[in-house]
Amino acid sequence: MPATRAHVYVHGRVQGVFFRATTRDKAIALGVKGWVKNCLDGCVEAVFEGEKDIVEKIVNWCKKGPEGAFVNHIDVHWEKCSGEFDEFSVIY
């Protein structure tokens, strides 16, 4: 299956609930590359790259997030895979 990229913004109560750490753990377990970070406006932003079906899995997981999170909505922008990432990381 071809590789793809999803640029995601997750809105709601998503900071202070281990959203970034759990996203990193899920991405590594799935073999997804990219990054996740908190934004000043209170949302979480992430870029996921990998096989389309696997990226879709983590995007769907972001719709709920970890225990303690309350996701109002997510914005997903599907893009061409750049292949620029060697791993998945948290940006602080």
Protein backbone atom coordinates (compact mmCIF):
# COMPACT_ATOMS: atom_id res chain seq x y z
CA MET A 1 0.00 0.00 0.00
CA PRO A 2 1.39 3.46 -0.84
CA ALA A 3 2.69 5.78 1.86
CA THR A 4 0.76 8.90 2.82
CA ARG A 5 0.96 11.84 5.19
CA ALA A 6 -1.70 13.22 7.52
CA HIS A 7 -1.30 16.65 9.12
CA VAL A 8 -3.68 16.65 12.07
CA TYR A 9 -4.96 19.28 14.52
CA VAL A 10 -6.81 17.85 17.53
CA HIS A 11 -9.11 20.25 19.41
CA GLY A 12 -10.68 19.90 22.85
CA ARG A 13 -9.23 18.98 26.25
CA VAL A 14 -6.10 17.48 24.75
CA GLN A 15 -3.27 19.09 26.72
CA GLY A 16 -2.28 17.92 30.19
CA VAL A 17 -3.75 14.45 29.56
CA PHE A 18 -0.65 12.73 28.12
CA PHE A 19 -1.96 13.09 24.56
CA ARG A 20 1.51 13.65 23.09
CA ALA A 21 3.17 10.80 24.99
CA THR A 22 0.39 8.36 24.18
CA THR A 23 0.37 9.43 20.53
CA ARG A 24 4.13 8.82 20.37
CA ASP A 25 3.72 5.35 21.90
CA LYS A 26 0.89 4.45 19.47
CA ALA A 27 2.84 5.76 16.47
CA ILE A 28 5.98 3.83 17.39
CA ALA A 29 3.96 0.64 17.95
CA LEU A 30 2.33 1.04 14.52
CA GLY A 31 5.56 2.00 12.73
CA VAL A 32 4.37 5.52 11.90
CA LYS A 33 6.94 8.31 11.48
CA GLY A 34 6.54 12.03 12.19
CA TRP A 35 5.97 14.23 15.23
CA VAL A 36 3.43 15.59 17.72
CA LYS A 37 3.39 18.86 19.67
CA ASN A 38 1.20 21.12 21.80
CA CYS A 39 0.10 24.39 20.22
CA LEU A 40 -0.32 27.72 21.99
CA ASP A 41 -4.06 27.76 21.19
CA GLY A 42 -4.59 24.57 23.26
CA CYS A 43 -4.78 22.05 20.43
CA VAL A 44 -2.37 19.24 19.61
CA GLU A 45 -0.75 19.18 16.16
CA ALA A 46 0.74 16.06 14.62
CA VAL A 47 2.21 14.84 11.35
CA PHE A 48 1.95 11.13 10.60
CA GLU A 49 3.68 9.37 7.70
CA GLY A 50 3.48 5.73 6.73
CA GLU A 51 1.35 3.15 4.96
CA LYS A 52 -2.12 4.60 4.33
CA ASP A 53 -4.03 2.00 6.36
CA ILE A 54 -1.72 2.44 9.35
CA VAL A 55 -1.86 6.25 9.20
CA GLU A 56 -5.67 6.00 9.04
CA LYS A 57 -5.57 3.90 12.25
CA ILE A 58 -3.67 6.52 14.22
CA VAL A 59 -5.80 9.36 12.81
CA ASN A 60 -8.91 7.48 13.94
CA TRP A 61 -7.35 6.95 17.37
CA CYS A 62 -6.81 10.74 17.60
CA LYS A 63 -10.58 11.21 17.36
CA LYS A 64 -10.81 9.83 20.91
CA GLY A 65 -7.28 10.10 22.29
CA PRO A 66 -6.05 8.75 25.61
CA GLU A 67 -8.10 8.33 28.76
CA GLY A 68 -8.75 11.77 30.23
CA ALA A 69 -8.87 13.54 26.88
CA PHE A 70 -12.04 15.05 25.44
CA VAL A 71 -11.73 15.57 21.69
CA ASN A 72 -14.19 18.09 20.25
CA HIS A 73 -13.03 17.63 16.67
CA ILE A 74 -9.99 17.04 14.52
CA ASP A 75 -8.87 18.66 11.30
CA VAL A 76 -7.05 16.29 8.96
CA HIS A 77 -5.12 17.42 5.90
CA TRP A 78 -4.00 14.54 3.67
CA GLU A 79 -0.75 15.30 1.90
CA LYS A 80 1.92 13.62 -0.17
CA CYS A 81 4.38 11.62 1.92
CA SER A 82 7.74 13.42 2.15
CA GLY A 83 9.78 10.57 3.65
CA GLU A 84 11.70 13.12 5.73
CA PHE A 85 11.27 11.34 9.08
CA ASP A 86 13.35 8.49 10.51
CA GLU A 87 11.28 8.15 13.69
CA PHE A 88 8.33 9.53 15.61
CA SER A 89 9.07 12.24 18.15
CA VAL A 90 7.49 14.70 20.54
CA ILE A 91 8.35 18.33 19.84
CA TYR A 92 8.57 20.42 23.03
